[in-house]
N, C-alpha and C. Protein backbone atom coordinates (compact mmCIF):
# COMPACT_ATOMS: atom_id res chain seq x y z
N MET A 1 28.06 50.56 12.30
CA MET A 1 27.32 51.37 13.25
C MET A 1 25.99 51.83 12.66
N LYS A 2 26.01 52.25 11.37
CA LYS A 2 24.79 52.70 10.71
C LYS A 2 23.77 51.56 10.62
N LYS A 3 24.27 50.35 10.36
CA LYS A 3 23.38 49.20 10.27
C LYS A 3 22.72 48.93 11.62
N LEU A 4 23.46 49.07 12.68
CA LEU A 4 22.92 48.85 14.02
C LEU A 4 21.84 49.88 14.35
N ILE A 5 22.09 51.12 14.03
CA ILE A 5 21.11 52.18 14.29
C ILE A 5 19.85 51.94 13.47
N CYS A 6 19.99 51.57 12.23
CA CYS A 6 18.83 51.26 11.38
C CYS A 6 18.05 50.08 11.93
N PHE A 7 18.77 49.06 12.36
CA PHE A 7 18.12 47.87 12.92
C PHE A 7 17.32 48.22 14.17
N VAL A 8 17.91 48.99 15.06
CA VAL A 8 17.23 49.39 16.29
C VAL A 8 16.00 50.25 15.97
N ALA A 9 16.12 51.16 15.02
CA ALA A 9 14.99 52.01 14.63
C ALA A 9 13.84 51.17 14.07
N ILE A 10 14.17 50.18 13.26
CA ILE A 10 13.13 49.31 12.69
C ILE A 10 12.45 48.49 13.78
N ILE A 11 13.21 47.94 14.69
CA ILE A 11 12.64 47.15 15.80
C ILE A 11 11.72 48.03 16.65
N MET A 12 12.15 49.25 16.95
CA MET A 12 11.33 50.16 17.76
C MET A 12 10.03 50.50 17.04
N ALA A 13 10.09 50.72 15.74
CA ALA A 13 8.90 51.03 14.97
C ALA A 13 7.92 49.87 14.96
N ILE A 14 8.44 48.67 14.83
CA ILE A 14 7.58 47.48 14.82
C ILE A 14 6.87 47.31 16.15
N PHE A 15 7.59 47.40 17.24
CA PHE A 15 6.99 47.19 18.54
C PHE A 15 6.09 48.34 18.96
N SER A 16 6.35 49.55 18.54
CA SER A 16 5.50 50.68 18.93
C SER A 16 4.13 50.59 18.29
N CYS A 17 4.03 49.94 17.16
CA CYS A 17 2.74 49.81 16.48
C CYS A 17 1.95 48.59 16.97
N HIS A 18 2.49 47.79 17.86
CA HIS A 18 1.79 46.58 18.30
C HIS A 18 1.39 46.62 19.77
N GLN A 19 1.56 47.73 20.44
CA GLN A 19 1.14 47.85 21.83
C GLN A 19 -0.22 48.52 21.85
N ILE A 20 -1.27 47.72 21.93
CA ILE A 20 -2.62 48.23 21.82
C ILE A 20 -3.32 48.11 23.17
N PRO A 21 -3.70 49.24 23.77
CA PRO A 21 -4.45 49.19 25.02
C PRO A 21 -5.88 48.74 24.76
N GLU A 22 -6.50 48.19 25.77
CA GLU A 22 -7.90 47.75 25.68
C GLU A 22 -8.79 48.97 25.46
N GLU A 23 -9.76 48.85 24.56
CA GLU A 23 -10.69 49.95 24.27
C GLU A 23 -11.79 49.99 25.32
N THR A 24 -11.94 51.14 25.95
CA THR A 24 -12.96 51.28 27.00
C THR A 24 -14.00 52.35 26.68
N ARG A 25 -13.80 53.10 25.60
CA ARG A 25 -14.76 54.15 25.25
C ARG A 25 -16.05 53.54 24.72
N VAL A 26 -17.15 54.26 24.91
CA VAL A 26 -18.47 53.78 24.50
C VAL A 26 -19.13 54.83 23.62
N LEU A 27 -19.84 54.38 22.60
CA LEU A 27 -20.56 55.30 21.73
C LEU A 27 -21.74 55.92 22.47
N SER A 28 -21.98 57.19 22.20
CA SER A 28 -23.12 57.91 22.76
C SER A 28 -24.05 58.26 21.60
N LYS A 29 -25.22 57.65 21.58
CA LYS A 29 -26.14 57.79 20.45
C LYS A 29 -27.50 58.28 20.92
N GLU A 30 -28.04 59.27 20.21
CA GLU A 30 -29.40 59.74 20.47
C GLU A 30 -30.37 59.00 19.55
N ALA A 31 -31.66 59.15 19.81
CA ALA A 31 -32.68 58.42 19.05
C ALA A 31 -32.65 58.73 17.56
N THR A 32 -32.29 59.94 17.18
CA THR A 32 -32.29 60.33 15.76
C THR A 32 -30.98 60.02 15.06
N ASP A 33 -29.98 59.57 15.80
CA ASP A 33 -28.67 59.27 15.22
C ASP A 33 -28.63 57.87 14.62
N SER A 34 -27.71 57.68 13.72
CA SER A 34 -27.44 56.36 13.15
C SER A 34 -25.99 56.00 13.45
N VAL A 35 -25.69 54.71 13.34
CA VAL A 35 -24.32 54.22 13.56
C VAL A 35 -23.89 53.46 12.31
N PHE A 36 -22.69 53.76 11.86
CA PHE A 36 -22.09 53.09 10.71
C PHE A 36 -20.78 52.48 11.17
N VAL A 37 -20.57 51.20 10.89
CA VAL A 37 -19.34 50.51 11.28
C VAL A 37 -18.60 50.10 10.02
N LEU A 38 -17.30 50.41 10.02
CA LEU A 38 -16.49 50.18 8.83
C LEU A 38 -15.17 49.52 9.24
N ASP A 39 -14.72 48.54 8.48
CA ASP A 39 -13.43 47.89 8.72
C ASP A 39 -12.29 48.79 8.27
N VAL A 40 -11.25 48.87 9.11
CA VAL A 40 -10.02 49.60 8.78
C VAL A 40 -8.85 48.66 9.10
N PRO A 41 -8.59 47.68 8.22
CA PRO A 41 -7.60 46.65 8.53
C PRO A 41 -6.17 47.15 8.69
N ASN A 42 -5.84 48.32 8.14
CA ASN A 42 -4.48 48.85 8.24
C ASN A 42 -4.22 49.58 9.55
N ALA A 43 -5.24 49.82 10.35
CA ALA A 43 -5.07 50.56 11.61
C ALA A 43 -4.43 49.66 12.65
N ARG A 44 -3.28 50.13 13.21
CA ARG A 44 -2.54 49.28 14.15
C ARG A 44 -2.07 49.99 15.40
N CYS A 45 -2.12 51.33 15.44
CA CYS A 45 -1.56 52.02 16.61
C CYS A 45 -2.37 53.27 16.94
N SER A 46 -2.00 53.93 18.02
CA SER A 46 -2.74 55.12 18.45
C SER A 46 -2.61 56.26 17.44
N LYS A 47 -1.52 56.30 16.70
CA LYS A 47 -1.39 57.33 15.65
C LYS A 47 -2.43 57.10 14.57
N CYS A 48 -2.63 55.86 14.19
CA CYS A 48 -3.67 55.52 13.21
C CYS A 48 -5.04 55.93 13.75
N GLN A 49 -5.26 55.63 15.02
CA GLN A 49 -6.52 55.97 15.68
C GLN A 49 -6.76 57.48 15.64
N ASN A 50 -5.73 58.26 15.94
CA ASN A 50 -5.85 59.72 15.94
C ASN A 50 -6.15 60.26 14.55
N ILE A 51 -5.54 59.69 13.53
CA ILE A 51 -5.76 60.15 12.16
C ILE A 51 -7.20 59.88 11.73
N ILE A 52 -7.69 58.67 11.97
CA ILE A 52 -9.05 58.32 11.56
C ILE A 52 -10.08 59.12 12.36
N GLU A 53 -9.97 59.10 13.68
CA GLU A 53 -10.95 59.79 14.52
C GLU A 53 -10.88 61.31 14.32
N GLY A 54 -9.67 61.85 14.19
CA GLY A 54 -9.52 63.28 13.97
C GLY A 54 -10.08 63.72 12.63
N GLY A 55 -9.86 62.92 11.61
CA GLY A 55 -10.39 63.24 10.29
C GLY A 55 -11.90 63.19 10.25
N LEU A 56 -12.47 62.23 10.96
CA LEU A 56 -13.93 62.12 11.00
C LEU A 56 -14.56 63.22 11.84
N ALA A 57 -13.85 63.72 12.83
CA ALA A 57 -14.39 64.78 13.69
C ALA A 57 -14.72 66.04 12.89
N ASN A 58 -14.02 66.25 11.78
CA ASN A 58 -14.25 67.43 10.95
C ASN A 58 -15.31 67.22 9.87
N GLU A 59 -15.84 66.02 9.79
CA GLU A 59 -16.82 65.70 8.76
C GLU A 59 -18.22 66.14 9.21
N ALA A 60 -18.94 66.79 8.32
CA ALA A 60 -20.29 67.27 8.63
C ALA A 60 -21.19 66.11 9.02
N GLY A 61 -21.91 66.26 10.10
CA GLY A 61 -22.87 65.26 10.55
C GLY A 61 -22.30 64.20 11.48
N VAL A 62 -20.98 64.10 11.59
CA VAL A 62 -20.38 63.10 12.47
C VAL A 62 -20.39 63.63 13.90
N LYS A 63 -20.99 62.86 14.78
CA LYS A 63 -21.08 63.26 16.19
C LYS A 63 -19.99 62.60 17.04
N GLN A 64 -19.61 61.38 16.67
CA GLN A 64 -18.59 60.66 17.43
C GLN A 64 -18.05 59.52 16.58
N SER A 65 -16.78 59.21 16.78
CA SER A 65 -16.21 58.03 16.13
C SER A 65 -15.22 57.38 17.09
N ILE A 66 -15.20 56.07 17.06
CA ILE A 66 -14.27 55.30 17.88
C ILE A 66 -13.66 54.22 17.00
N LEU A 67 -12.33 54.26 16.87
CA LEU A 67 -11.62 53.21 16.16
C LEU A 67 -11.09 52.22 17.18
N ASN A 68 -11.61 51.01 17.14
CA ASN A 68 -11.17 49.94 18.03
C ASN A 68 -10.03 49.21 17.34
N LEU A 69 -8.84 49.30 17.89
CA LEU A 69 -7.67 48.71 17.25
C LEU A 69 -7.64 47.18 17.38
N HIS A 70 -8.38 46.62 18.31
CA HIS A 70 -8.44 45.16 18.44
C HIS A 70 -9.29 44.55 17.33
N THR A 71 -10.44 45.19 17.05
CA THR A 71 -11.33 44.68 16.01
C THR A 71 -11.02 45.29 14.65
N LYS A 72 -10.23 46.37 14.64
CA LYS A 72 -9.89 47.12 13.42
C LYS A 72 -11.15 47.63 12.72
N GLN A 73 -12.08 48.12 13.55
CA GLN A 73 -13.32 48.70 13.04
C GLN A 73 -13.52 50.08 13.63
N VAL A 74 -14.00 50.99 12.80
CA VAL A 74 -14.37 52.31 13.28
C VAL A 74 -15.90 52.38 13.32
N SER A 75 -16.43 52.76 14.48
CA SER A 75 -17.86 52.95 14.67
C SER A 75 -18.12 54.45 14.66
N ILE A 76 -19.06 54.87 13.82
CA ILE A 76 -19.32 56.29 13.61
C ILE A 76 -20.77 56.60 13.93
N VAL A 77 -21.00 57.51 14.88
CA VAL A 77 -22.33 58.00 15.17
C VAL A 77 -22.51 59.26 14.32
N TYR A 78 -23.58 59.29 13.54
CA TYR A 78 -23.78 60.41 12.63
C TYR A 78 -25.25 60.79 12.51
N ALA A 79 -25.49 62.01 12.04
CA ALA A 79 -26.84 62.50 11.78
C ALA A 79 -27.19 62.15 10.33
N PRO A 80 -28.16 61.25 10.11
CA PRO A 80 -28.45 60.80 8.75
C PRO A 80 -28.99 61.91 7.83
N ASP A 81 -29.45 63.01 8.40
CA ASP A 81 -29.92 64.10 7.56
C ASP A 81 -28.77 65.01 7.09
N GLN A 82 -27.54 64.76 7.59
CA GLN A 82 -26.40 65.59 7.22
C GLN A 82 -25.33 64.84 6.44
N THR A 83 -25.31 63.53 6.53
CA THR A 83 -24.31 62.74 5.79
C THR A 83 -24.85 61.33 5.57
N THR A 84 -24.15 60.57 4.74
CA THR A 84 -24.57 59.21 4.41
C THR A 84 -23.43 58.22 4.69
N PRO A 85 -23.76 56.94 4.81
CA PRO A 85 -22.69 55.95 4.97
C PRO A 85 -21.68 55.97 3.82
N GLN A 86 -22.15 56.23 2.60
CA GLN A 86 -21.24 56.30 1.45
C GLN A 86 -20.25 57.45 1.62
N GLN A 87 -20.70 58.61 2.08
CA GLN A 87 -19.80 59.74 2.30
C GLN A 87 -18.79 59.43 3.42
N LEU A 88 -19.26 58.75 4.45
CA LEU A 88 -18.37 58.39 5.56
C LEU A 88 -17.32 57.39 5.10
N GLU A 89 -17.74 56.42 4.29
CA GLU A 89 -16.79 55.44 3.77
C GLU A 89 -15.74 56.11 2.88
N GLU A 90 -16.16 57.08 2.07
CA GLU A 90 -15.21 57.81 1.23
C GLU A 90 -14.23 58.61 2.07
N LYS A 91 -14.72 59.21 3.16
CA LYS A 91 -13.84 59.99 4.04
C LYS A 91 -12.79 59.08 4.67
N VAL A 92 -13.22 57.93 5.19
CA VAL A 92 -12.27 56.99 5.81
C VAL A 92 -11.28 56.48 4.77
N SER A 93 -11.76 56.18 3.57
CA SER A 93 -10.87 55.72 2.50
C SER A 93 -9.81 56.76 2.18
N GLY A 94 -10.17 58.03 2.27
CA GLY A 94 -9.22 59.11 2.04
C GLY A 94 -8.20 59.27 3.15
N LEU A 95 -8.55 58.82 4.36
CA LEU A 95 -7.65 58.91 5.50
C LEU A 95 -6.69 57.72 5.59
N VAL A 96 -7.08 56.57 5.05
CA VAL A 96 -6.26 55.36 5.16
C VAL A 96 -4.85 55.54 4.60
N PRO A 97 -4.65 56.23 3.46
CA PRO A 97 -3.28 56.41 2.96
C PRO A 97 -2.38 57.21 3.92
N LEU A 98 -2.97 57.94 4.85
CA LEU A 98 -2.20 58.73 5.80
C LEU A 98 -1.72 57.93 7.01
N LEU A 99 -2.20 56.70 7.15
CA LEU A 99 -1.85 55.88 8.31
C LEU A 99 -0.38 55.49 8.27
N PRO A 100 0.33 55.61 9.42
CA PRO A 100 1.75 55.30 9.45
C PRO A 100 2.05 53.79 9.46
N CYS A 101 1.10 52.98 9.86
CA CYS A 101 1.32 51.53 10.00
C CYS A 101 0.71 50.78 8.82
N LYS A 102 1.36 50.80 7.70
CA LYS A 102 0.79 50.15 6.51
C LYS A 102 1.32 48.76 6.32
């Protein structure tokens, strides 16, 4: 019985991380803003999306971020006078270990 429950839990976890809705959100950028795009190959589900986007929302200078799970890329609109692509890449790198779908 324990083996069956474990098997069902594993199957549910696998399938829950592979149901990806089509991305329809669009970046909103002003003339003074910059956009940085970074690959996040471990991102596979909406929980991963929430962790990356939520973590970036608290970063100084970040105005918007969208993690597209189909392309596995996060697009970040930021104020270049408040942060740099290197700082953004370090922030995302720090969030990747928190992703549930590794």
